[in-house]
N, C-alpha and C. Protein backbone atom coordinates (compact mmCIF):
# COMPACT_ATOMS: atom_id res chain seq x y z
N UNK A 1 -13.83 -15.79 30.10
CA UNK A 1 -12.39 -16.03 30.03
C UNK A 1 -12.33 -17.14 29.00
N UNK A 2 -13.18 -18.32 28.80
CA UNK A 2 -13.08 -19.15 28.05
C UNK A 2 -13.02 -18.57 26.64
N UNK A 3 -14.11 -17.79 26.32
CA UNK A 3 -14.39 -17.19 25.09
C UNK A 3 -13.12 -16.50 24.42
N UNK A 4 -12.42 -15.78 25.48
CA UNK A 4 -11.08 -15.19 25.13
C UNK A 4 -10.35 -15.93 24.73
N UNK A 5 -9.85 -17.19 25.43
CA UNK A 5 -8.94 -18.19 25.17
C UNK A 5 -9.20 -18.77 23.64
N UNK A 6 -10.51 -19.08 23.56
CA UNK A 6 -10.72 -19.74 22.08
C UNK A 6 -10.42 -18.73 21.16
N UNK A 7 -10.63 -17.45 21.30
CA UNK A 7 -10.48 -16.39 20.40
C UNK A 7 -8.86 -16.40 20.02
N UNK A 8 -8.05 -16.12 21.10
CA UNK A 8 -6.81 -16.02 21.03
C UNK A 8 -6.20 -17.44 20.32
N UNK A 9 -6.59 -18.64 20.64
CA UNK A 9 -6.31 -19.60 20.09
C UNK A 9 -6.44 -19.56 18.56
N UNK A 10 -7.52 -19.19 17.92
CA UNK A 10 -8.02 -19.40 16.73
C UNK A 10 -6.87 -18.30 15.76
N UNK A 11 -6.84 -17.24 16.48
CA UNK A 11 -5.69 -16.16 15.97
C UNK A 11 -4.36 -16.81 15.84
N UNK A 12 -3.73 -17.39 16.82
CA UNK A 12 -2.64 -18.00 16.65
C UNK A 12 -2.48 -19.00 15.65
N UNK A 13 -3.53 -20.01 15.57
CA UNK A 13 -3.51 -21.04 14.82
C UNK A 13 -3.59 -20.51 13.16
N UNK A 14 -4.42 -19.42 13.12
CA UNK A 14 -4.51 -18.69 11.65
C UNK A 14 -2.95 -18.09 11.42
N UNK A 15 -2.43 -17.43 12.19
CA UNK A 15 -1.35 -16.80 12.00
C UNK A 15 0.12 -17.72 11.63
N UNK A 16 -0.04 -18.88 12.37
CA UNK A 16 0.77 -19.97 12.10
C UNK A 16 0.74 -20.68 10.82
N UNK A 17 -0.67 -20.96 10.52
CA UNK A 17 -0.88 -21.47 9.19
C UNK A 17 -0.61 -20.44 8.12
N UNK A 18 -0.93 -19.14 8.30
CA UNK A 18 -0.51 -18.19 7.28
C UNK A 18 0.93 -18.04 7.08
N UNK A 19 1.76 -18.10 8.04
CA UNK A 19 3.14 -18.10 7.95
C UNK A 19 3.83 -19.37 7.24
N UNK A 20 3.11 -20.53 7.77
CA UNK A 20 3.60 -21.85 6.97
C UNK A 20 3.38 -21.63 5.62
N UNK A 21 2.32 -20.97 4.95
CA UNK A 21 2.07 -20.72 3.69
C UNK A 21 2.85 -19.84 3.15
N UNK A 22 3.15 -18.70 3.86
CA UNK A 22 4.08 -17.87 3.31
C UNK A 22 5.29 -18.21 3.00
N UNK A 23 5.88 -19.04 3.77
CA UNK A 23 7.32 -19.47 3.68
C UNK A 23 7.30 -20.90 2.70
N UNK A 24 6.08 -21.35 2.58
CA UNK A 24 6.35 -22.69 1.66
C UNK A 24 5.91 -22.43 0.19
N UNK A 25 5.14 -21.19 0.05
CA UNK A 25 4.63 -20.86 -1.19
C UNK A 25 4.40 -19.36 -1.39
N UNK A 26 5.34 -18.59 -1.55
CA UNK A 26 4.95 -17.15 -1.47
C UNK A 26 4.66 -16.79 -3.03
N UNK A 27 4.08 -17.64 -3.76
CA UNK A 27 3.60 -17.18 -5.16
C UNK A 27 2.19 -17.82 -5.25
N UNK A 28 1.12 -17.21 -6.04
CA UNK A 28 -0.14 -17.77 -6.52
C UNK A 28 0.12 -19.08 -6.80
N UNK A 29 -0.59 -20.15 -6.46
CA UNK A 29 -0.33 -21.49 -6.92
C UNK A 29 -1.21 -21.71 -7.99
N UNK A 30 -0.94 -22.66 -8.95
CA UNK A 30 -1.69 -23.05 -9.98
C UNK A 30 -2.23 -24.20 -9.41
N UNK A 31 -3.64 -24.01 -9.54
CA UNK A 31 -4.59 -25.17 -9.35
C UNK A 31 -4.45 -26.32 -9.95
N UNK A 32 -4.84 -27.59 -9.26
CA UNK A 32 -4.34 -28.85 -9.72
C UNK A 32 -5.67 -29.14 -10.33
N UNK A 33 -5.47 -30.05 -11.38
CA UNK A 33 -6.87 -30.51 -12.11
C UNK A 33 -8.00 -30.90 -11.16
N UNK A 34 -7.71 -31.31 -10.07
CA UNK A 34 -8.60 -31.85 -9.20
C UNK A 34 -9.58 -30.89 -8.56
N UNK A 35 -9.11 -29.43 -8.54
CA UNK A 35 -9.97 -28.43 -8.05
C UNK A 35 -10.72 -27.76 -9.30
N UNK A 36 -12.08 -27.52 -8.91
CA UNK A 36 -13.11 -27.28 -9.73
C UNK A 36 -13.83 -26.18 -9.00
N UNK A 37 -14.25 -25.07 -10.02
CA UNK A 37 -15.21 -24.35 -9.66
C UNK A 37 -16.51 -24.63 -9.40
N UNK A 38 -17.02 -25.91 -9.76
CA UNK A 38 -18.22 -26.15 -9.66
C UNK A 38 -18.93 -26.16 -8.06
N UNK A 39 -18.05 -26.52 -7.16
CA UNK A 39 -18.53 -26.33 -5.65
C UNK A 39 -18.88 -24.81 -5.25
N UNK A 40 -18.08 -23.89 -5.87
CA UNK A 40 -18.38 -22.53 -5.74
C UNK A 40 -19.48 -22.07 -6.51
N UNK A 41 -19.78 -22.27 -7.67
CA UNK A 41 -20.97 -21.97 -8.38
C UNK A 41 -22.12 -22.64 -7.98
N UNK A 42 -21.88 -23.69 -7.32
CA UNK A 42 -23.37 -24.45 -6.72
C UNK A 42 -23.71 -24.01 -5.41
N UNK A 43 -22.86 -23.05 -4.66
CA UNK A 43 -23.19 -22.65 -3.22
C UNK A 43 -24.00 -21.52 -3.42
N UNK A 44 -24.81 -21.51 -2.26
CA UNK A 44 -25.83 -20.46 -1.84
C UNK A 44 -25.41 -19.94 -0.35
N UNK A 45 -24.85 -18.83 -0.22
CA UNK A 45 -24.49 -18.21 1.01
C UNK A 45 -25.17 -16.99 1.42
N UNK A 46 -25.48 -16.94 2.74
CA UNK A 46 -26.13 -15.74 3.12
C UNK A 46 -25.32 -14.47 3.03
N UNK A 47 -26.00 -13.26 2.46
CA UNK A 47 -25.23 -11.93 2.53
C UNK A 47 -25.65 -11.31 4.06
N UNK A 48 -25.20 -9.93 4.09
CA UNK A 48 -25.34 -9.14 5.53
C UNK A 48 -26.56 -9.13 5.74
N UNK A 49 -27.73 -9.12 4.97
CA UNK A 49 -29.04 -8.95 5.22
C UNK A 49 -29.59 -10.40 5.57
N UNK A 50 -28.91 -11.42 5.41
CA UNK A 50 -29.43 -12.78 5.98
C UNK A 50 -30.14 -13.28 4.46
N UNK A 51 -29.96 -12.96 3.45
CA UNK A 51 -30.45 -13.50 2.11
C UNK A 51 -29.30 -14.60 1.55
N UNK A 52 -29.89 -15.67 1.20
CA UNK A 52 -28.86 -16.58 0.54
C UNK A 52 -28.67 -16.23 -0.77
N UNK A 53 -27.51 -16.02 -1.23
CA UNK A 53 -27.09 -15.71 -2.46
C UNK A 53 -26.64 -16.73 -3.15
N UNK A 54 -26.95 -17.05 -4.52
CA UNK A 54 -26.30 -18.09 -5.36
C UNK A 54 -25.03 -17.51 -6.03
N UNK A 55 -24.07 -18.20 -5.93
CA UNK A 55 -22.73 -17.64 -6.29
C UNK A 55 -22.61 -17.78 -7.84
N UNK A 56 -23.41 -18.49 -8.36
CA UNK A 56 -23.59 -18.81 -9.83
C UNK A 56 -24.19 -17.55 -10.49
N UNK A 57 -24.60 -16.51 -9.72
CA UNK A 57 -25.03 -15.14 -10.33
C UNK A 57 -23.89 -14.28 -11.01
N UNK A 58 -22.67 -14.72 -10.45
CA UNK A 58 -21.58 -13.89 -10.99
C UNK A 58 -20.77 -15.00 -12.02
N UNK A 59 -21.44 -16.01 -12.33
CA UNK A 59 -20.65 -16.68 -13.59
C UNK A 59 -20.31 -15.84 -14.71
N UNK A 60 -19.52 -15.94 -15.25
CA UNK A 60 -19.07 -15.34 -16.71
C UNK A 60 -18.50 -14.07 -16.57
N UNK A 61 -17.98 -13.87 -14.97
CA UNK A 61 -17.05 -12.86 -14.68
C UNK A 61 -15.87 -13.17 -14.20
N UNK A 62 -14.72 -12.39 -14.23
CA UNK A 62 -13.65 -12.79 -13.50
C UNK A 62 -13.80 -12.64 -12.17
N UNK A 63 -13.69 -13.74 -11.47
CA UNK A 63 -14.13 -13.76 -9.82
C UNK A 63 -12.94 -13.62 -8.91
N UNK A 64 -13.03 -13.03 -8.06
CA UNK A 64 -12.00 -13.26 -7.06
C UNK A 64 -12.83 -13.53 -5.66
N UNK A 65 -12.71 -14.80 -5.20
CA UNK A 65 -13.45 -15.31 -4.06
C UNK A 65 -12.54 -15.27 -2.87
N UNK A 66 -12.75 -14.43 -2.10
CA UNK A 66 -11.86 -14.14 -0.90
C UNK A 66 -12.55 -14.64 0.30
N UNK A 67 -11.98 -15.88 1.08
CA UNK A 67 -12.24 -16.29 2.26
C UNK A 67 -11.62 -15.36 3.44
N UNK A 68 -12.10 -14.93 4.61
CA UNK A 68 -11.51 -13.85 5.49
C UNK A 68 -12.50 -13.83 6.72
N UNK A 69 -11.75 -13.24 7.60
CA UNK A 69 -12.49 -12.86 8.89
C UNK A 69 -11.88 -11.60 9.58
N UNK A 70 -12.74 -10.83 10.32
CA UNK A 70 -12.43 -9.63 10.80
C UNK A 70 -11.21 -9.90 11.85
N UNK A 71 -11.21 -11.08 12.43
CA UNK A 71 -10.04 -11.17 13.49
C UNK A 71 -8.68 -11.48 12.69
N UNK A 72 -8.73 -11.46 11.59
CA UNK A 72 -7.55 -12.03 10.83
C UNK A 72 -6.84 -10.71 10.28
N UNK A 73 -5.53 -10.38 10.90
CA UNK A 73 -4.80 -9.21 10.61
C UNK A 73 -4.42 -9.14 8.71
N UNK A 74 -3.77 -10.28 8.42
CA UNK A 74 -3.71 -10.10 6.92
C UNK A 74 -5.14 -10.01 6.12
N UNK A 75 -6.02 -10.43 6.52
CA UNK A 75 -7.23 -10.39 5.86
C UNK A 75 -7.64 -8.73 5.86
N UNK A 76 -7.60 -8.10 7.02
CA UNK A 76 -8.07 -6.73 7.13
C UNK A 76 -7.20 -5.88 6.11
N UNK A 77 -5.87 -6.23 6.13
CA UNK A 77 -4.75 -5.63 5.35
C UNK A 77 -4.98 -5.56 4.00
N UNK A 78 -5.35 -6.74 3.38
CA UNK A 78 -5.71 -6.87 1.83
C UNK A 78 -6.84 -6.11 1.46
N UNK A 79 -7.84 -6.08 2.28
CA UNK A 79 -9.30 -5.54 1.75
C UNK A 79 -9.18 -4.24 1.10
N UNK A 80 -8.54 -3.29 1.75
CA UNK A 80 -8.55 -2.09 0.88
C UNK A 80 -8.04 -1.92 -0.59
N UNK A 81 -7.10 -2.87 -0.85
CA UNK A 81 -6.68 -3.01 -2.06
C UNK A 81 -7.78 -3.82 -2.78
N UNK A 82 -8.33 -4.67 -2.42
CA UNK A 82 -9.23 -5.32 -3.08
C UNK A 82 -10.66 -4.07 -3.52
N UNK A 83 -10.96 -3.34 -2.60
CA UNK A 83 -12.00 -1.98 -2.68
C UNK A 83 -11.57 -1.36 -3.94
N UNK A 84 -10.04 -0.93 -4.08
CA UNK A 84 -9.69 -0.23 -5.04
C UNK A 84 -9.67 -0.96 -6.31
N UNK A 85 -9.29 -2.11 -6.43
CA UNK A 85 -9.23 -3.04 -7.80
C UNK A 85 -10.81 -3.34 -8.12
N UNK A 86 -11.73 -3.34 -7.21
CA UNK A 86 -13.17 -3.61 -7.79
C UNK A 86 -13.49 -2.48 -8.57
N UNK A 87 -13.28 -1.07 -7.64
CA UNK A 87 -13.40 0.08 -8.45
C UNK A 87 -12.86 0.45 -9.77
N UNK A 88 -11.62 0.11 -9.93
CA UNK A 88 -10.96 0.31 -11.10
C UNK A 88 -11.20 -0.66 -12.14
N UNK A 89 -11.44 -2.04 -11.96
CA UNK A 89 -11.75 -2.98 -12.98
C UNK A 89 -13.13 -3.50 -13.17
N UNK A 90 -13.90 -3.26 -12.11
CA UNK A 90 -15.28 -3.58 -12.06
C UNK A 90 -16.27 -3.60 -13.50
N UNK A 91 -15.74 -2.61 -14.07
CA UNK A 91 -16.53 -2.40 -15.59
C UNK A 91 -16.11 -3.23 -16.65
N UNK A 92 -14.92 -3.58 -16.22
CA UNK A 92 -14.27 -4.45 -17.23
C UNK A 92 -14.70 -6.10 -16.89
N UNK A 93 -15.45 -6.27 -16.04
CA UNK A 93 -15.83 -7.54 -15.89
C UNK A 93 -15.39 -8.19 -14.67
N UNK A 94 -14.67 -7.66 -13.69
CA UNK A 94 -14.10 -8.04 -12.44
C UNK A 94 -14.99 -8.09 -11.04
N UNK A 95 -15.18 -8.98 -10.52
CA UNK A 95 -16.05 -9.19 -9.52
C UNK A 95 -15.50 -9.83 -8.13
N UNK A 96 -15.11 -9.18 -7.26
CA UNK A 96 -14.79 -9.72 -5.93
C UNK A 96 -16.01 -10.21 -5.21
N UNK A 97 -15.65 -11.08 -4.39
CA UNK A 97 -16.89 -11.83 -3.35
C UNK A 97 -15.99 -12.14 -2.16
N UNK A 98 -16.38 -11.29 -1.13
CA UNK A 98 -15.82 -11.77 0.32
C UNK A 98 -16.69 -12.60 1.10
N UNK A 99 -16.16 -13.86 1.33
CA UNK A 99 -17.12 -14.92 2.26
C UNK A 99 -16.20 -14.96 3.60
N UNK A 100 -17.02 -14.31 4.61
CA UNK A 100 -16.65 -13.73 5.82
C UNK A 100 -16.87 -15.05 6.77
N UNK A 101 -15.78 -15.52 7.35
CA UNK A 101 -16.19 -16.70 8.47
C UNK A 101 -15.99 -15.82 9.76
N UNK A 102 -17.06 -15.38 10.09
CA UNK A 102 -16.92 -14.46 11.26
C UNK A 102 -18.52 -14.35 11.59
N UNK A 103 -18.55 -13.52 12.65
CA UNK A 103 -20.06 -13.15 13.02
C UNK A 103 -20.62 -12.05 12.28
N UNK A 104 -21.84 -12.09 12.06
CA UNK A 104 -22.37 -11.06 10.97
C UNK A 104 -22.13 -9.47 11.64
N UNK A 105 -22.33 -9.12 12.86
CA UNK A 105 -22.40 -7.87 13.36
C UNK A 105 -20.87 -7.56 13.05
N UNK A 106 -19.72 -8.54 13.40
CA UNK A 106 -18.26 -7.90 13.34
C UNK A 106 -18.19 -7.65 11.83
N UNK A 107 -18.79 -8.28 10.93
CA UNK A 107 -18.52 -8.05 9.50
C UNK A 107 -18.99 -6.94 8.96
N UNK A 108 -20.26 -6.61 9.34
CA UNK A 108 -20.91 -5.47 9.17
C UNK A 108 -20.40 -4.29 9.61
N UNK A 109 -19.85 -4.27 10.77
CA UNK A 109 -19.12 -3.16 11.26
C UNK A 109 -17.82 -3.00 10.40
N UNK A 110 -17.22 -3.97 10.22
CA UNK A 110 -15.87 -3.60 9.58
C UNK A 110 -16.07 -3.19 8.04
N UNK A 111 -17.10 -3.86 7.36
CA UNK A 111 -17.57 -3.65 6.16
C UNK A 111 -18.10 -2.04 5.83
N UNK A 112 -18.66 -1.51 6.85
CA UNK A 112 -19.01 0.03 6.90
C UNK A 112 -17.94 0.77 7.32
N UNK A 113 -17.04 0.38 8.13
CA UNK A 113 -15.71 1.18 8.37
C UNK A 113 -14.92 1.50 7.17
N UNK A 114 -14.43 0.48 6.35
CA UNK A 114 -13.71 0.56 5.17
C UNK A 114 -14.08 0.69 4.07
N UNK A 115 -15.56 0.71 3.90
CA UNK A 115 -16.37 0.88 2.70
C UNK A 115 -16.12 -0.11 1.84
N UNK A 116 -16.52 -1.36 1.99
CA UNK A 116 -16.43 -2.64 0.99
C UNK A 116 -17.43 -2.41 -0.16
N UNK A 117 -17.20 -2.46 -1.40
CA UNK A 117 -17.73 -2.09 -2.53
C UNK A 117 -18.05 -3.48 -3.37
N UNK A 118 -17.91 -4.60 -2.59
CA UNK A 118 -18.48 -5.76 -3.27
C UNK A 118 -19.15 -6.65 -2.53
N UNK A 119 -19.89 -7.67 -3.01
CA UNK A 119 -20.76 -8.35 -1.87
C UNK A 119 -19.90 -9.06 -0.97
N UNK A 120 -20.53 -8.98 0.15
CA UNK A 120 -20.04 -9.74 1.27
C UNK A 120 -20.95 -10.88 1.70
N UNK A 121 -20.54 -12.09 2.00
CA UNK A 121 -21.33 -12.90 2.42
C UNK A 121 -20.94 -13.76 3.69
N UNK A 122 -21.80 -14.11 4.49
CA UNK A 122 -21.45 -14.82 5.70
C UNK A 122 -21.41 -16.34 5.78
N UNK A 123 -20.19 -16.78 5.84
CA UNK A 123 -20.18 -18.39 5.84
C UNK A 123 -19.86 -18.85 7.22
N UNK A 124 -20.39 -20.24 7.21
CA UNK A 124 -20.22 -21.09 8.68
C UNK A 124 -19.39 -22.14 8.17
N UNK A 125 -19.93 -23.25 8.57
CA UNK A 125 -19.27 -24.87 8.35
C UNK A 125 -19.24 -25.03 6.80
N UNK A 126 -20.44 -24.62 6.14
CA UNK A 126 -20.42 -24.81 4.67
C UNK A 126 -19.47 -23.93 3.97
N UNK A 127 -19.08 -22.84 4.45
CA UNK A 127 -18.06 -21.80 3.68
C UNK A 127 -16.80 -22.40 4.00
N UNK A 128 -16.53 -23.09 5.13
CA UNK A 128 -15.09 -23.86 5.22
C UNK A 128 -15.19 -25.01 4.54
N UNK A 129 -16.01 -25.76 4.35
CA UNK A 129 -16.04 -26.81 3.36
C UNK A 129 -16.01 -26.42 2.03
N UNK A 130 -16.42 -25.22 1.52
CA UNK A 130 -16.08 -24.69 0.21
C UNK A 130 -14.97 -24.27 0.03
N UNK A 131 -14.07 -23.67 1.02
CA UNK A 131 -12.86 -23.18 0.89
C UNK A 131 -12.04 -24.41 0.87
N UNK A 132 -12.10 -25.51 1.58
CA UNK A 132 -11.43 -26.52 1.36
C UNK A 132 -11.65 -27.41 -0.13
N UNK A 133 -12.88 -27.57 -0.42
CA UNK A 133 -13.01 -28.00 -1.65
C UNK A 133 -12.38 -27.32 -2.76
N UNK A 134 -12.18 -26.00 -2.59
CA UNK A 134 -11.55 -25.15 -3.46
C UNK A 134 -10.13 -24.77 -3.37
N UNK A 135 -9.49 -25.85 -2.79
CA UNK A 135 -8.14 -26.00 -2.53
C UNK A 135 -7.39 -25.58 -1.50
N UNK A 136 -8.12 -25.07 -0.31
CA UNK A 136 -7.63 -24.70 0.77
C UNK A 136 -7.55 -25.68 1.83
N UNK A 137 -6.41 -26.71 1.71
CA UNK A 137 -6.45 -27.85 2.46
C UNK A 137 -6.33 -27.92 3.89
N UNK A 138 -5.34 -26.51 4.27
CA UNK A 138 -5.30 -26.52 5.79
C UNK A 138 -6.10 -25.63 6.40
N UNK A 139 -7.06 -24.90 5.91
CA UNK A 139 -7.99 -24.02 6.42
C UNK A 139 -7.27 -22.62 6.64
N UNK A 140 -6.25 -22.24 5.95
CA UNK A 140 -5.68 -20.85 6.39
C UNK A 140 -6.50 -19.81 5.92
N UNK A 141 -6.27 -18.51 6.44
CA UNK A 141 -6.89 -17.38 5.89
C UNK A 141 -5.93 -16.22 5.90
N UNK A 142 -6.25 -15.40 5.18
CA UNK A 142 -7.16 -15.17 3.87
C UNK A 142 -6.84 -16.27 2.94
N UNK A 143 -7.70 -16.62 2.20
CA UNK A 143 -7.67 -17.87 1.20
C UNK A 143 -8.50 -17.25 -0.19
N UNK A 144 -7.74 -17.07 -1.21
CA UNK A 144 -8.32 -16.40 -2.17
C UNK A 144 -8.25 -17.47 -3.53
N UNK A 145 -9.76 -17.51 -4.08
CA UNK A 145 -9.58 -18.11 -5.44
C UNK A 145 -9.89 -17.10 -6.60
N UNK A 146 -9.36 -17.23 -7.90
CA UNK A 146 -9.55 -16.61 -8.80
C UNK A 146 -9.91 -17.44 -9.93
N UNK A 147 -11.02 -16.98 -10.60
CA UNK A 147 -11.92 -17.71 -11.39
C UNK A 147 -11.85 -17.06 -12.80
N UNK A 148 -11.79 -17.49 -14.02
CA UNK A 148 -11.89 -16.82 -15.29
C UNK A 148 -13.28 -16.59 -15.59
N UNK A 149 -13.52 -16.13 -16.94
CA UNK A 149 -14.95 -15.64 -17.33
C UNK A 149 -15.57 -17.16 -17.35
N UNK A 150 -14.75 -18.28 -18.00
CA UNK A 150 -15.25 -19.57 -18.51
C UNK A 150 -15.47 -20.48 -17.05
N UNK A 151 -15.04 -19.87 -16.08
CA UNK A 151 -15.44 -21.05 -14.77
C UNK A 151 -14.29 -21.54 -14.25
N UNK A 152 -12.93 -21.35 -15.06
CA UNK A 152 -11.75 -22.32 -14.73
C UNK A 152 -11.01 -21.58 -13.57
N UNK A 153 -10.75 -22.08 -12.46
CA UNK A 153 -10.12 -21.63 -11.55
C UNK A 153 -8.67 -21.49 -11.81
N UNK A 154 -8.09 -20.15 -12.00
CA UNK A 154 -6.63 -19.87 -12.38
C UNK A 154 -5.68 -19.99 -11.41
N UNK A 155 -6.10 -19.34 -10.31
CA UNK A 155 -5.06 -19.34 -9.21
C UNK A 155 -5.91 -19.53 -7.70
N UNK A 156 -5.00 -19.86 -6.89
CA UNK A 156 -5.44 -19.69 -5.54
C UNK A 156 -4.16 -19.34 -4.54
N UNK A 157 -4.63 -18.50 -3.64
CA UNK A 157 -3.57 -17.88 -2.77
C UNK A 157 -3.86 -17.98 -1.11
N UNK A 158 -3.20 -18.75 -0.43
CA UNK A 158 -3.35 -18.87 0.92
C UNK A 158 -2.39 -17.73 1.56
N UNK A 159 -3.00 -16.72 2.29
CA UNK A 159 -2.23 -15.78 2.95
C UNK A 159 -2.61 -14.48 2.32
N UNK A 160 -1.95 -13.33 2.50
CA UNK A 160 -2.02 -11.97 2.30
C UNK A 160 -1.67 -11.83 0.75
N UNK A 161 -2.65 -11.09 -0.06
CA UNK A 161 -2.44 -11.19 -1.64
C UNK A 161 -2.38 -9.62 -1.80
N UNK A 162 -1.19 -9.28 -2.57
CA UNK A 162 -1.02 -7.82 -2.57
C UNK A 162 -1.49 -7.35 -3.87
N UNK A 163 -1.63 -5.98 -4.16
CA UNK A 163 -2.17 -5.49 -5.44
C UNK A 163 -1.35 -5.92 -6.74
N UNK A 164 0.09 -6.05 -6.78
CA UNK A 164 0.93 -6.26 -7.76
C UNK A 164 0.76 -7.74 -8.14
N UNK A 165 0.75 -8.55 -7.21
CA UNK A 165 0.55 -9.96 -7.69
C UNK A 165 -0.94 -10.16 -8.46
N UNK A 166 -2.12 -9.55 -7.50
CA UNK A 166 -3.30 -9.98 -7.92
C UNK A 166 -3.57 -9.20 -9.60
N UNK A 167 -2.89 -8.08 -9.58
CA UNK A 167 -3.25 -7.36 -10.83
C UNK A 167 -2.43 -8.08 -11.89
N UNK A 168 -1.63 -8.76 -11.49
CA UNK A 168 -0.81 -9.41 -12.63
C UNK A 168 -1.41 -10.70 -12.95
N UNK A 169 -2.46 -11.08 -12.10
CA UNK A 169 -3.20 -12.36 -12.47
C UNK A 169 -4.39 -12.00 -13.33
N UNK A 170 -4.95 -11.01 -12.59
CA UNK A 170 -6.40 -10.75 -13.24
C UNK A 170 -6.63 -9.98 -14.61
N UNK A 171 -5.52 -8.96 -14.80
CA UNK A 171 -5.61 -8.00 -15.80
C UNK A 171 -5.65 -8.69 -17.27
N UNK A 172 -4.79 -9.94 -17.38
CA UNK A 172 -4.83 -10.65 -18.62
C UNK A 172 -6.18 -11.40 -18.70
N UNK A 173 -7.13 -11.56 -17.78
CA UNK A 173 -8.16 -12.24 -17.96
C UNK A 173 -9.62 -11.31 -18.29
N UNK A 174 -9.29 -10.09 -18.24
CA UNK A 174 -10.54 -9.02 -18.46
C UNK A 174 -10.56 -8.68 -19.74
N UNK A 175 -11.81 -8.32 -20.04
CA UNK A 175 -12.31 -8.02 -21.31
C UNK A 175 -11.38 -6.93 -21.98
């Protein structure tokens, strides 16, 4: 019963935070000068096999780093679009990276179910700190950071990111 209550509380807080961000900023926000991609590229986060992956291995690509969870409805809704965009633009230098704030078994099951075609990492407290240091002040999910080939954060978005908005941001950055 206690586990159920905690899970419901997390969902309510996440939805409330997402609604707040949706109402206050329904566009991709330009990052402030204080936000740097250094923390992202310095991070090593475990993949689904438990191997810690250095995010620096994707430096030089247009990166879409998405913090998400399987229990987050807007997160689940945007991922099929990410799969399509990864397939469409991957050869041009686009790389999605999903950082799940969730249990490995849940993430693996969801990834298999929808056919995620980009790297999925499993975050914990370290990933939450990384999201905060990348501009996610209130800890809402989903949270997405878009980085150009030079390593500059171009945009951040809290809340669901649709294909049209994301395509408008990434296509000018691609080779």
